[in-house]
Amino acid sequence: MSGHSKWHTIKHKKGAADAKRGKVFTRVIKELSVAARAGGGDPDMNPRLRTIIAEAKSVNMPADNIKRAIQRGTGELPGVSYEEVTYEAYGPGGAALIIEVLTDNRNRTVGELRHTLTKYGGNLGETNSVAWMFHKKGYIVIEKAKASEDTLLAAALDAGADDLRDDGDSWEVVTPPDAFQQVLDAVKALGIEPAAAEIAMLPQNYVKLEGKPAQQMVKLMDILEDHEDSKKVWSNADIEEKEIEASLA
């Protein structure tokens, strides 16, 4: 990392450590079940399920685990029913947060989130209090060593991408949500395996944090992402590398 590190651009760099916790499997299993319940168990007819299956395979989830999670979603196997809930909040220094969860007990989850936010200088907000600060976009990260700018730019734009951004040691491809899968397929057709690929909530503008608020924010984000019900957490915080390293050390 170098210079200012916006949270959504460093999450993939934490991915390997997160995967070791086993939390990724838990989240993906929930997402598979929810997607199958909402749109059916056939990935050819359910684009959302197809995307999550690809993510499950990327973290080496066994095929049997994937199948059982889908069958629980479709009702072929018994299982817990999860609902998706999105919370909006403020963190230290006034930075905005969007917290997406998959829970079987909304009251428990909101209580735990409120406690965590308060502990680290944040608070829950009302619906639409911060959502307007973000755009839903497809977001694909490719290590620069794996692709030249010209080749990647041409393939991504032809497939419907909005933009290609330079993030130091990586390229960031930003797409409309409905073009995400075809752009991802185009990237993979080049023989490139992305470091990260997801539908993301990308901030329109950023709030720069330094010192104590910055370190509080990094700790808060890490705890929120590690919560058992957490699906995705997004922020518009702009935090320097030294603050991130100090907080995660």
Protein backbone atom coordinates (compact mmCIF):
# COMPACT_ATOMS: atom_id res chain seq x y z
CA MET A 1 0.00 0.00 0.00
CA SER A 2 1.16 3.52 -0.64
CA GLY A 3 -0.23 6.97 -0.01
CA HIS A 4 -3.89 7.21 0.90
CA SER A 5 -5.67 3.86 1.12
CA LYS A 6 -9.43 3.92 0.77
CA TRP A 7 -11.05 1.00 2.55
CA HIS A 8 -12.60 -0.62 -0.49
CA THR A 9 -9.19 -0.69 -2.19
CA ILE A 10 -7.38 -2.43 0.67
CA LYS A 11 -9.95 -5.08 1.54
CA HIS A 12 -8.65 -7.47 -1.10
CA LYS A 13 -5.16 -7.11 0.40
CA LYS A 14 -6.57 -8.38 3.70
CA GLY A 15 -8.38 -11.22 1.96
CA ALA A 16 -5.83 -13.95 2.58
CA ALA A 17 -5.83 -13.29 6.33
CA ASP A 18 -9.61 -13.13 6.45
CA ALA A 19 -9.95 -16.43 4.60
CA LYS A 20 -7.91 -18.21 7.27
CA ARG A 21 -10.57 -17.39 9.85
CA GLY A 22 -13.14 -19.60 8.15
CA LYS A 23 -15.52 -16.66 8.17
CA VAL A 24 -15.55 -16.48 4.37
CA PHE A 25 -17.10 -19.96 4.14
CA THR A 26 -19.81 -19.03 6.64
CA ARG A 27 -20.75 -15.86 4.77
CA VAL A 28 -20.72 -17.49 1.33
CA ILE A 29 -22.91 -20.39 2.54
CA LYS A 30 -25.49 -17.87 3.81
CA GLU A 31 -25.34 -15.93 0.54
CA LEU A 32 -25.80 -19.11 -1.52
CA SER A 33 -28.92 -20.03 0.47
CA VAL A 34 -30.42 -16.52 0.27
CA ALA A 35 -29.75 -16.25 -3.48
CA ALA A 36 -31.24 -19.69 -4.15
CA ARG A 37 -34.33 -18.88 -2.09
CA ALA A 38 -34.84 -15.59 -3.93
CA GLY A 39 -34.17 -16.71 -7.51
CA GLY A 40 -34.11 -20.50 -7.63
CA GLY A 41 -31.34 -23.06 -7.53
CA ASP A 42 -30.36 -23.03 -11.22
CA PRO A 43 -27.33 -20.75 -11.70
CA ASP A 44 -28.05 -20.49 -15.44
CA MET A 45 -31.36 -18.79 -14.58
CA ASN A 46 -30.13 -16.96 -11.48
CA PRO A 47 -27.24 -14.53 -12.19
CA ARG A 48 -26.81 -13.63 -8.54
CA LEU A 49 -26.44 -17.29 -7.58
CA ARG A 50 -23.98 -17.80 -10.43
CA THR A 51 -21.79 -14.95 -9.13
CA ILE A 52 -21.79 -16.34 -5.58
CA ILE A 53 -20.96 -19.85 -6.80
CA ALA A 54 -17.95 -18.36 -8.60
CA GLU A 55 -16.88 -16.69 -5.35
CA ALA A 56 -17.35 -19.97 -3.45
CA LYS A 57 -15.10 -21.76 -5.92
CA SER A 58 -12.49 -18.98 -5.70
CA VAL A 59 -12.11 -19.64 -1.96
CA ASN A 60 -11.94 -23.41 -2.60
CA MET A 61 -15.28 -24.31 -1.06
CA PRO A 62 -16.04 -28.01 -1.69
CA ALA A 63 -18.73 -28.70 -4.28
CA ASP A 64 -20.82 -30.63 -1.74
CA ASN A 65 -20.93 -27.60 0.56
CA ILE A 66 -22.10 -25.42 -2.32
CA LYS A 67 -24.79 -27.92 -3.30
CA ARG A 68 -26.13 -28.28 0.26
CA ALA A 69 -26.27 -24.52 0.77
CA ILE A 70 -28.30 -24.12 -2.42
CA GLN A 71 -30.63 -26.96 -1.44
CA ARG A 72 -31.26 -25.34 1.93
CA GLY A 73 -32.19 -22.16 0.08
CA THR A 74 -34.61 -23.92 -2.25
CA GLY A 75 -36.15 -25.92 0.60
CA GLU A 76 -34.85 -29.29 -0.58
CA LEU A 77 -32.95 -29.57 2.71
CA PRO A 78 -33.93 -28.14 6.13
CA GLY A 79 -32.00 -25.12 7.34
CA VAL A 80 -32.04 -21.70 8.98
CA SER A 81 -33.76 -18.92 7.05
CA TYR A 82 -31.65 -15.77 6.75
CA GLU A 83 -32.76 -12.29 5.75
CA GLU A 84 -30.68 -9.53 4.21
CA VAL A 85 -30.65 -6.23 6.06
CA THR A 86 -28.67 -3.07 5.28
CA TYR A 87 -27.77 -0.64 8.05
CA GLU A 88 -26.45 2.88 7.58
CA ALA A 89 -24.12 4.44 10.13
CA TYR A 90 -21.49 7.04 10.93
CA GLY A 91 -18.01 6.22 12.16
CA PRO A 92 -15.28 8.31 13.80
CA GLY A 93 -14.68 11.66 12.15
CA GLY A 94 -18.08 11.58 10.44
CA ALA A 95 -17.13 8.92 7.89
CA ALA A 96 -20.11 7.07 6.40
CA LEU A 97 -20.72 3.33 6.71
CA ILE A 98 -22.99 0.90 4.93
CA ILE A 99 -23.24 -2.45 6.73
CA GLU A 100 -24.86 -5.36 4.88
CA VAL A 101 -25.78 -8.38 7.01
CA LEU A 102 -27.35 -11.83 6.66
CA THR A 103 -29.13 -12.65 9.89
CA ASP A 104 -31.67 -15.02 11.42
CA ASN A 105 -32.29 -12.59 14.31
CA ARG A 106 -32.55 -8.93 13.34
CA ASN A 107 -32.95 -7.68 16.94
CA ARG A 108 -29.79 -9.45 18.10
CA THR A 109 -27.78 -8.19 15.15
CA VAL A 110 -28.80 -4.53 15.42
CA GLY A 111 -28.08 -4.56 19.16
CA GLU A 112 -24.58 -5.92 18.61
CA LEU A 113 -23.86 -3.48 15.79
CA ARG A 114 -25.05 -0.52 17.85
CA HIS A 115 -22.80 -1.58 20.76
CA THR A 116 -19.75 -1.92 18.48
CA LEU A 117 -20.34 1.40 16.75
CA THR A 118 -20.71 3.25 20.06
CA LYS A 119 -17.54 1.67 21.45
CA TYR A 120 -15.48 3.00 18.54
CA GLY A 121 -16.97 6.47 18.23
CA GLY A 122 -19.76 5.78 15.74
CA ASN A 123 -23.53 5.49 15.70
CA LEU A 124 -26.36 4.01 13.66
CA GLY A 125 -28.08 6.36 11.22
CA GLU A 126 -31.57 6.53 9.78
CA THR A 127 -32.51 4.91 6.46
CA ASN A 128 -31.05 6.91 3.55
CA SER A 129 -28.85 8.96 5.88
CA VAL A 130 -25.66 7.89 4.07
CA ALA A 131 -26.77 5.64 1.18
CA TRP A 132 -26.95 8.65 -1.15
CA MET A 133 -23.18 9.05 -0.77
CA PHE A 134 -22.53 5.73 -2.55
CA HIS A 135 -23.11 4.20 -5.98
CA LYS A 136 -23.69 0.46 -6.49
CA LYS A 137 -21.08 -0.72 -9.01
CA GLY A 138 -19.32 -3.83 -10.21
CA TYR A 139 -15.76 -3.74 -8.88
CA ILE A 140 -12.88 -5.91 -10.17
CA VAL A 141 -9.27 -5.70 -8.93
CA ILE A 142 -6.41 -6.99 -11.08
CA GLU A 143 -2.75 -7.02 -10.07
CA LYS A 144 -0.72 -4.94 -12.51
CA ALA A 145 1.76 -7.76 -13.04
CA LYS A 146 -1.05 -9.83 -14.59
CA ALA A 147 -2.22 -7.41 -17.30
CA SER A 148 -1.13 -4.45 -19.39
CA GLU A 149 -3.27 -1.33 -19.18
CA ASP A 150 -4.06 -1.23 -22.91
CA THR A 151 -5.12 -4.89 -23.12
CA LEU A 152 -7.23 -4.74 -19.99
CA LEU A 153 -8.81 -1.40 -20.89
CA ALA A 154 -9.84 -2.58 -24.36
CA ALA A 155 -11.37 -5.84 -23.07
CA ALA A 156 -13.16 -4.20 -20.16
CA LEU A 157 -14.65 -1.30 -22.13
CA ASP A 158 -15.78 -3.59 -24.95
CA ALA A 159 -17.62 -5.71 -22.37
CA GLY A 160 -19.40 -2.69 -20.87
CA ALA A 161 -17.11 -1.33 -18.11
CA ASP A 162 -17.37 2.30 -17.02
CA ASP A 163 -13.77 2.94 -16.04
CA LEU A 164 -10.29 1.56 -15.40
CA ARG A 165 -8.48 3.13 -12.43
CA ASP A 166 -4.86 3.02 -11.31
CA ASP A 167 -4.52 1.97 -7.65
CA GLY A 168 -0.75 1.81 -7.39
CA ASP A 169 0.04 -1.91 -7.67
CA SER A 170 -3.39 -2.86 -9.04
CA TRP A 171 -5.95 -1.93 -11.68
CA GLU A 172 -9.54 -1.32 -10.61
CA VAL A 173 -12.26 -2.00 -13.17
CA VAL A 174 -15.59 -0.32 -12.39
CA THR A 175 -18.77 -1.47 -14.14
CA PRO A 176 -22.54 -0.95 -14.05
CA PRO A 177 -24.04 -3.70 -11.87
CA ASP A 178 -25.82 -5.34 -14.81
CA ALA A 179 -22.55 -5.49 -16.82
CA PHE A 180 -20.46 -6.92 -13.98
CA GLN A 181 -20.64 -10.57 -15.00
CA GLN A 182 -19.88 -9.99 -18.68
CA VAL A 183 -16.91 -7.74 -17.81
CA LEU A 184 -15.64 -10.32 -15.34
CA ASP A 185 -15.96 -13.01 -18.02
CA ALA A 186 -14.03 -10.80 -20.44
CA VAL A 187 -11.22 -10.30 -17.91
CA LYS A 188 -11.02 -14.03 -17.23
CA ALA A 189 -10.99 -14.72 -20.97
CA LEU A 190 -7.62 -12.95 -21.02
CA GLY A 191 -6.31 -15.64 -18.68
CA ILE A 192 -6.43 -13.29 -15.69
CA GLU A 193 -7.73 -14.30 -12.26
CA PRO A 194 -8.80 -11.12 -10.41
CA ALA A 195 -7.63 -10.43 -6.86
CA ALA A 196 -11.20 -9.35 -6.06
CA ALA A 197 -14.51 -9.21 -7.92
CA GLU A 198 -17.82 -8.12 -6.39
CA ILE A 199 -20.81 -5.84 -6.54
CA ALA A 200 -19.68 -2.93 -4.36
CA MET A 201 -20.99 0.28 -2.85
CA LEU A 202 -18.39 2.80 -4.03
CA PRO A 203 -18.32 6.26 -2.43
CA GLN A 204 -18.88 9.36 -4.54
CA ASN A 205 -16.57 11.36 -2.25
CA TYR A 206 -14.20 10.53 0.60
CA VAL A 207 -13.66 11.75 4.16
CA LYS A 208 -9.99 11.99 5.13
CA LEU A 209 -9.20 10.62 8.61
CA GLU A 210 -5.96 10.98 10.53
CA GLY A 211 -4.63 10.15 13.97
CA LYS A 212 -6.98 8.64 16.56
CA PRO A 213 -10.16 8.81 14.41
CA ALA A 214 -8.33 7.01 11.59
CA GLN A 215 -7.11 4.22 13.83
CA GLN A 216 -10.51 3.91 15.50
CA MET A 217 -12.11 3.63 12.06
CA VAL A 218 -9.79 0.86 10.92
CA LYS A 219 -10.45 -1.13 14.10
CA LEU A 220 -14.19 -0.53 13.77
CA MET A 221 -14.25 -1.70 10.15
CA ASP A 222 -12.23 -4.80 10.97
CA ILE A 223 -14.60 -5.76 13.82
CA LEU A 224 -17.71 -5.08 11.74
CA GLU A 225 -16.38 -7.19 8.88
CA ASP A 226 -15.57 -10.00 11.31
CA HIS A 227 -19.07 -10.03 12.85
CA GLU A 228 -20.74 -13.40 12.37
CA ASP A 229 -23.69 -11.86 10.49
CA SER A 230 -21.63 -9.50 8.35
CA LYS A 231 -21.93 -9.77 4.58
CA LYS A 232 -20.18 -6.60 3.35
CA VAL A 233 -19.11 -3.34 4.96
CA TRP A 234 -18.44 -0.17 2.96
CA SER A 235 -17.04 3.19 3.99
CA ASN A 236 -16.03 6.49 2.43
CA ALA A 237 -13.07 6.83 4.82
CA ASP A 238 -9.74 7.86 3.27
CA ILE A 239 -6.95 6.66 5.56
CA GLU A 240 -3.18 6.77 5.13
CA GLU A 241 -1.11 3.61 5.02
CA LYS A 242 0.68 4.33 8.30
CA GLU A 243 -2.64 4.56 10.16
CA ILE A 244 -3.87 1.28 8.70
CA GLU A 245 -0.65 -0.55 9.52
CA ALA A 246 -0.63 0.83 13.08
CA SER A 247 -4.21 -0.27 13.65
CA LEU A 248 -3.91 -3.75 12.18
CA ALA A 249 -0.50 -4.54 13.66
